[in-house]
Amino acid sequence: MIILAALAAGCLAAPLAGAVGGVAVGKSALGTELAAYMGGLYGAIAGGVAVVATIVVLSLT
């Protein structure tokens, strides 16, 4: 149950963090909306893989 909660929390937090980071980095070059969309997309991709990999590693130990 805790594993599913961690997976859900990580997969929900990753796009939000990516969007915030995208706006912080690319606001002036891309505009706020596009930077948020791109950050959310790449944050979800990278964060989702990181969450799943972490859960697998912790399950093996």
Protein backbone atom coordinates (compact mmCIF):
# COMPACT_ATOMS: atom_id res chain seq x y z
CA MET A 1 0.00 0.00 0.00
CA ILE A 2 2.84 2.38 0.83
CA ILE A 3 4.49 1.56 -2.49
CA LEU A 4 1.37 2.56 -4.41
CA ALA A 5 1.08 5.78 -2.42
CA ALA A 6 4.72 6.61 -3.14
CA LEU A 7 4.22 5.86 -6.83
CA ALA A 8 1.13 8.05 -7.03
CA ALA A 9 2.71 10.92 -5.09
CA GLY A 10 5.88 10.81 -7.18
CA CYS A 11 4.04 10.66 -10.50
CA LEU A 12 1.82 13.58 -9.49
CA ALA A 13 4.64 15.72 -8.14
CA ALA A 14 6.99 15.22 -11.11
CA PRO A 15 4.99 17.20 -13.71
CA LEU A 16 4.27 19.97 -11.22
CA ALA A 17 7.93 20.32 -10.34
CA GLY A 18 8.85 20.16 -14.03
CA ALA A 19 6.39 22.93 -14.88
CA VAL A 20 7.73 25.17 -12.13
CA GLY A 21 11.30 24.48 -13.25
CA GLY A 22 10.41 25.08 -16.88
CA VAL A 23 8.89 28.45 -16.08
CA ALA A 24 11.88 29.42 -13.96
CA VAL A 25 14.36 28.51 -16.70
CA GLY A 26 12.60 29.21 -19.98
CA LYS A 27 10.10 31.98 -19.26
CA SER A 28 11.93 34.71 -21.12
CA ALA A 29 12.92 32.57 -24.12
CA LEU A 30 9.72 30.58 -24.69
CA GLY A 31 6.97 32.35 -22.83
CA THR A 32 5.32 31.24 -19.63
CA GLU A 33 2.76 28.80 -21.05
CA LEU A 34 5.07 26.95 -23.43
CA ALA A 35 7.80 26.71 -20.79
CA ALA A 36 5.29 25.27 -18.32
CA TYR A 37 3.96 22.75 -20.84
CA MET A 38 7.41 21.59 -21.84
CA GLY A 39 8.62 21.45 -18.25
CA GLY A 40 5.57 19.45 -17.23
CA LEU A 41 6.12 16.99 -20.08
CA TYR A 42 9.80 16.45 -19.44
CA GLY A 43 9.29 16.45 -15.69
CA ALA A 44 6.70 13.70 -16.00
CA ILE A 45 8.97 11.62 -18.21
CA ALA A 46 12.07 11.95 -16.06
CA GLY A 47 10.27 11.91 -12.73
CA GLY A 48 8.12 8.90 -13.61
CA VAL A 49 11.15 6.85 -14.60
CA ALA A 50 13.01 7.94 -11.47
CA VAL A 51 10.09 7.02 -9.19
CA VAL A 52 9.64 3.59 -10.76
CA ALA A 53 13.40 2.88 -10.70
CA THR A 54 13.63 3.93 -7.06
CA ILE A 55 10.71 1.71 -6.05
CA VAL A 56 12.27 -1.25 -7.89
CA VAL A 57 15.64 -0.72 -6.22
CA LEU A 58 14.10 -0.34 -2.77
CA SER A 59 11.98 -3.44 -3.31
CA LEU A 60 15.09 -5.50 -4.05
CA THR A 61 16.79 -4.60 -0.80
